């Protein structure tokens, strides 16, 4: 009798231990899963916050520093077509109607991005339509946003495809510069491309083939 009672107690204890063990194991698994999800959610949240902050900083730097410098570089290369340009031209936008230049260039970037969100092709077309805006501002920083957009559109009418083909002609140079880790790009290709675009602007804006007109793809671009 005593043996039977002990066996029953042992069996019940084993059953309870088994149930408790399975329950504990399930609880631990659930906690791990929930903890993993929580950790993943925290990681994603932190990543998004950091990404948004970095994007905001990049946009601010682009709007208030990079774009004005880009306008100054355009002025440098346009002036260098006919006379030795001064390095100080690069900072031209900071001292000449900086607010207007910043605003106009910001809307140029914004419109280009919005058109690109539709499809890539419309964004590319608009990018070429707005291509002369930095040069126009470098030439006349008093030009309003509306005037700059309208004039760039007029200048690029019928010339967007030609300019695209002109840019394609530099692909070989860009590929070659990649093998030099960008050294060739910095010291030769980029200045060459910028000088060519400056000559293009001069031709489209004033109809003046400059002395070094052969920089415009050796005469391949004819307005």
Protein backbone atom coordinates (compact mmCIF):
# COMPACT_ATOMS: atom_id res chain seq x y z
CA UNK A 1 0.00 0.00 0.00
CA UNK A 2 2.77 2.35 0.92
CA UNK A 3 4.56 1.50 -2.31
CA UNK A 4 1.48 2.27 -4.41
CA UNK A 5 1.00 5.65 -2.72
CA UNK A 6 4.64 6.56 -3.29
CA UNK A 7 4.40 5.57 -6.94
CA UNK A 8 1.28 7.69 -7.40
CA UNK A 9 2.94 10.65 -5.74
CA UNK A 10 6.01 10.17 -7.92
CA UNK A 11 3.91 9.99 -11.10
CA UNK A 12 1.96 13.13 -10.18
CA UNK A 13 5.20 14.94 -9.36
CA UNK A 14 6.68 13.95 -12.73
CA UNK A 15 3.56 15.18 -14.51
CA UNK A 16 3.64 18.50 -12.68
CA UNK A 17 7.37 18.84 -13.28
CA UNK A 18 6.84 18.14 -16.96
CA UNK A 19 4.06 20.68 -17.26
CA UNK A 20 5.99 23.30 -15.31
CA UNK A 21 9.10 22.61 -17.35
CA UNK A 22 7.26 23.00 -20.63
CA UNK A 23 5.56 26.15 -19.35
CA UNK A 24 8.84 27.62 -18.17
CA UNK A 25 10.49 26.80 -21.47
CA UNK A 26 7.64 28.42 -23.37
CA UNK A 27 7.84 31.50 -21.13
CA UNK A 28 11.57 31.82 -21.73
CA UNK A 29 11.10 31.41 -25.50
CA UNK A 30 8.37 34.03 -25.48
CA UNK A 31 10.55 36.44 -23.49
CA UNK A 32 13.45 35.92 -25.90
CA UNK A 33 11.20 36.49 -28.91
CA UNK A 34 9.66 39.60 -27.38
CA UNK A 35 13.07 40.84 -26.30
CA UNK A 36 14.43 40.31 -29.82
CA UNK A 37 11.52 42.17 -31.36
CA UNK A 38 11.93 45.00 -28.86
CA UNK A 39 15.67 45.20 -29.53
CA UNK A 40 15.04 45.22 -33.27
CA UNK A 41 12.43 47.96 -32.88
CA UNK A 42 14.87 50.05 -30.83
CA UNK A 43 17.64 49.52 -33.41
CA UNK A 44 15.37 50.49 -36.31
CA UNK A 45 14.12 53.55 -34.43
CA UNK A 46 17.65 54.70 -33.61
CA UNK A 47 18.76 54.06 -37.19
CA UNK A 48 15.86 56.09 -38.59
CA UNK A 49 16.53 58.96 -36.19
CA UNK A 50 20.23 59.03 -37.06
CA UNK A 51 19.41 58.77 -40.77
CA UNK A 52 16.93 61.65 -40.59
CA UNK A 53 19.41 63.81 -38.66
CA UNK A 54 22.19 63.05 -41.16
CA UNK A 55 19.88 63.80 -44.09
CA UNK A 56 18.81 67.09 -42.48
CA UNK A 57 22.43 68.10 -41.94
CA UNK A 58 23.31 67.12 -45.52
CA UNK A 59 20.40 69.15 -46.91
CA UNK A 60 21.38 72.20 -44.86
CA UNK A 61 25.02 71.95 -45.93
CA UNK A 62 24.00 71.46 -49.55
CA UNK A 63 21.62 74.43 -49.53
CA UNK A 64 23.77 76.93 -47.67
CA UNK A 65 27.34 75.92 -48.58
CA UNK A 66 27.62 73.45 -51.47
CA UNK A 67 25.19 75.22 -53.84
CA UNK A 68 26.73 78.69 -53.37
CA UNK A 69 30.17 77.17 -53.92
CA UNK A 70 28.86 75.50 -57.09
CA UNK A 71 27.69 78.88 -58.39
CA UNK A 72 31.09 80.38 -57.55
CA UNK A 73 32.85 77.57 -59.43
CA UNK A 74 30.67 78.26 -62.48
CA UNK A 75 31.66 81.90 -62.33
CA UNK A 76 35.32 80.92 -62.13
CA UNK A 77 35.18 78.75 -65.24
CA UNK A 78 33.06 81.20 -67.26
CA UNK A 79 35.43 84.07 -66.52
CA UNK A 80 38.40 81.83 -67.21
CA UNK A 81 37.23 81.43 -70.81
CA UNK A 82 38.37 84.93 -71.73
CA UNK A 83 40.70 86.02 -68.93
CA UNK A 84 42.66 84.49 -66.06
CA UNK A 85 40.11 83.89 -63.31
CA UNK A 86 40.80 84.48 -59.64
CA UNK A 87 40.37 81.69 -57.09
CA UNK A 88 38.32 84.16 -55.07
CA UNK A 89 35.55 83.79 -57.65
CA UNK A 90 34.65 80.50 -56.00
CA UNK A 91 33.29 82.39 -52.99
CA UNK A 92 31.45 84.90 -55.16
CA UNK A 93 27.96 83.75 -54.14
CA UNK A 94 28.60 84.38 -50.46
CA UNK A 95 29.15 88.09 -51.08
CA UNK A 96 26.64 88.72 -53.87
CA UNK A 97 22.94 88.28 -53.17
CA UNK A 98 23.60 85.11 -51.21
CA UNK A 99 19.98 84.76 -50.09
CA UNK A 100 18.59 84.85 -53.64
CA UNK A 101 21.18 82.40 -54.93
CA UNK A 102 20.54 80.00 -52.06
CA UNK A 103 16.78 80.13 -52.58
CA UNK A 104 16.93 79.67 -56.35
CA UNK A 105 19.37 76.77 -56.17
CA UNK A 106 17.29 75.13 -53.43
CA UNK A 107 14.18 75.18 -55.61
CA UNK A 108 16.19 73.87 -58.56
CA UNK A 109 17.19 70.84 -56.47
CA UNK A 110 13.69 70.44 -55.04
CA UNK A 111 11.96 70.50 -58.43
CA UNK A 112 14.50 68.06 -59.86
CA UNK A 113 13.91 65.60 -57.00
CA UNK A 114 10.14 65.89 -57.30
CA UNK A 115 10.25 65.24 -61.03
CA UNK A 116 12.58 62.30 -60.44
CA UNK A 117 10.09 60.78 -57.98
CA UNK A 118 7.61 60.46 -60.86
CA UNK A 119 10.03 58.57 -63.08
CA UNK A 120 13.75 58.80 -63.69
CA UNK A 121 13.40 60.13 -67.24
CA UNK A 122 11.36 63.25 -66.35
CA UNK A 123 13.86 64.01 -63.59
CA UNK A 124 16.75 63.71 -66.04
CA UNK A 125 15.00 65.95 -68.56
CA UNK A 126 14.33 68.58 -65.91
CA UNK A 127 17.90 68.36 -64.65
CA UNK A 128 19.11 69.37 -68.12
CA UNK A 129 16.39 72.01 -68.41
CA UNK A 130 17.68 73.60 -65.19
CA UNK A 131 21.35 73.08 -66.08
CA UNK A 132 22.05 76.73 -66.87
CA UNK A 133 20.61 78.13 -63.61
CA UNK A 134 23.96 78.10 -61.70
CA UNK A 135 25.66 79.86 -64.62
CA UNK A 136 22.93 82.48 -64.86
CA UNK A 137 23.22 83.21 -61.15
CA UNK A 138 26.99 83.34 -61.44
CA UNK A 139 26.59 85.87 -64.24
CA UNK A 140 23.79 87.85 -62.60
CA UNK A 141 23.10 87.10 -58.91
CA UNK A 142 20.24 89.63 -58.98
CA UNK A 143 18.23 87.41 -61.31
CA UNK A 144 15.06 86.22 -59.61
CA UNK A 145 14.10 82.58 -59.28
CA UNK A 146 11.40 82.92 -61.92
CA UNK A 147 13.74 84.65 -64.35
CA UNK A 148 16.49 82.08 -63.84
CA UNK A 149 14.17 79.13 -64.44
CA UNK A 150 12.59 80.75 -67.49
CA UNK A 151 15.92 81.73 -69.04
CA UNK A 152 17.48 78.32 -68.44
CA UNK A 153 14.43 76.69 -70.03
CA UNK A 154 14.75 79.00 -73.05
CA UNK A 155 18.45 78.30 -73.45
CA UNK A 156 18.07 74.54 -73.17
CA UNK A 157 15.08 74.32 -75.50
CA UNK A 158 16.19 71.99 -78.28
CA UNK A 159 19.60 71.56 -76.64
CA UNK A 160 18.93 69.09 -73.83
CA UNK A 161 19.64 66.02 -75.95
CA UNK A 162 22.76 67.60 -77.43
CA UNK A 163 24.03 68.42 -73.95
CA UNK A 164 23.28 64.86 -72.82
CA UNK A 165 25.31 63.49 -75.72
CA UNK A 166 28.08 65.94 -74.86
CA UNK A 167 28.16 64.60 -71.30
CA UNK A 168 28.25 61.03 -72.61
CA UNK A 169 31.45 61.88 -74.46
CA UNK A 170 33.22 62.20 -71.08
CA UNK A 171 32.37 58.67 -69.92
CA UNK A 172 35.73 57.32 -71.08
CA UNK A 173 37.54 59.96 -69.04
CA UNK A 174 35.50 59.19 -65.93
CA UNK A 175 36.19 55.46 -66.27
CA UNK A 176 39.88 56.11 -66.76
CA UNK A 177 40.00 58.39 -63.72
CA UNK A 178 38.47 55.61 -61.60
CA UNK A 179 41.65 53.58 -62.18
CA UNK A 180 43.67 56.46 -60.69
CA UNK A 181 41.48 56.56 -57.55
CA UNK A 182 40.06 59.92 -58.58
CA UNK A 183 43.40 61.69 -59.01
CA UNK A 184 42.92 62.17 -62.74
CA UNK A 185 39.32 63.29 -62.11
CA UNK A 186 40.40 65.99 -59.68
CA UNK A 187 43.35 67.39 -61.59
CA UNK A 188 42.18 67.04 -65.19
CA UNK A 189 38.77 65.55 -65.95
CA UNK A 190 36.62 67.73 -63.66
CA UNK A 191 38.29 71.00 -64.76
CA UNK A 192 38.02 69.91 -68.40
CA UNK A 193 34.30 69.08 -68.05
CA UNK A 194 33.58 72.33 -66.20
CA UNK A 195 35.44 74.38 -68.81
CA UNK A 196 33.42 72.66 -71.53
CA UNK A 197 30.12 73.42 -69.79
CA UNK A 198 31.20 77.02 -69.29
CA UNK A 199 31.91 77.32 -73.02
CA UNK A 200 28.50 75.79 -73.69
CA UNK A 201 26.84 78.37 -71.46
CA UNK A 202 28.73 81.18 -73.17
CA UNK A 203 27.57 79.97 -76.56
CA UNK A 204 23.93 79.44 -75.59
CA UNK A 205 23.67 82.65 -73.60
CA UNK A 206 25.46 85.11 -75.84
CA UNK A 207 25.94 83.22 -79.08
CA UNK A 208 29.68 83.82 -78.73
CA UNK A 209 31.91 81.00 -79.76
CA UNK A 210 34.78 81.64 -77.37
CA UNK A 211 38.40 81.34 -78.42
CA UNK A 212 38.62 77.82 -77.06
CA UNK A 213 35.32 76.71 -78.59
CA UNK A 214 36.98 73.42 -79.49
CA UNK A 215 36.52 72.50 -75.82
CA UNK A 216 32.84 71.99 -76.65
CA UNK A 217 33.52 68.48 -77.89
CA UNK A 218 35.69 69.72 -80.76
CA UNK A 219 32.78 71.43 -82.45
CA UNK A 220 30.40 68.49 -82.04
CA UNK A 221 27.92 70.75 -80.25
CA UNK A 222 26.46 73.28 -82.61
CA UNK A 223 23.63 75.48 -81.49
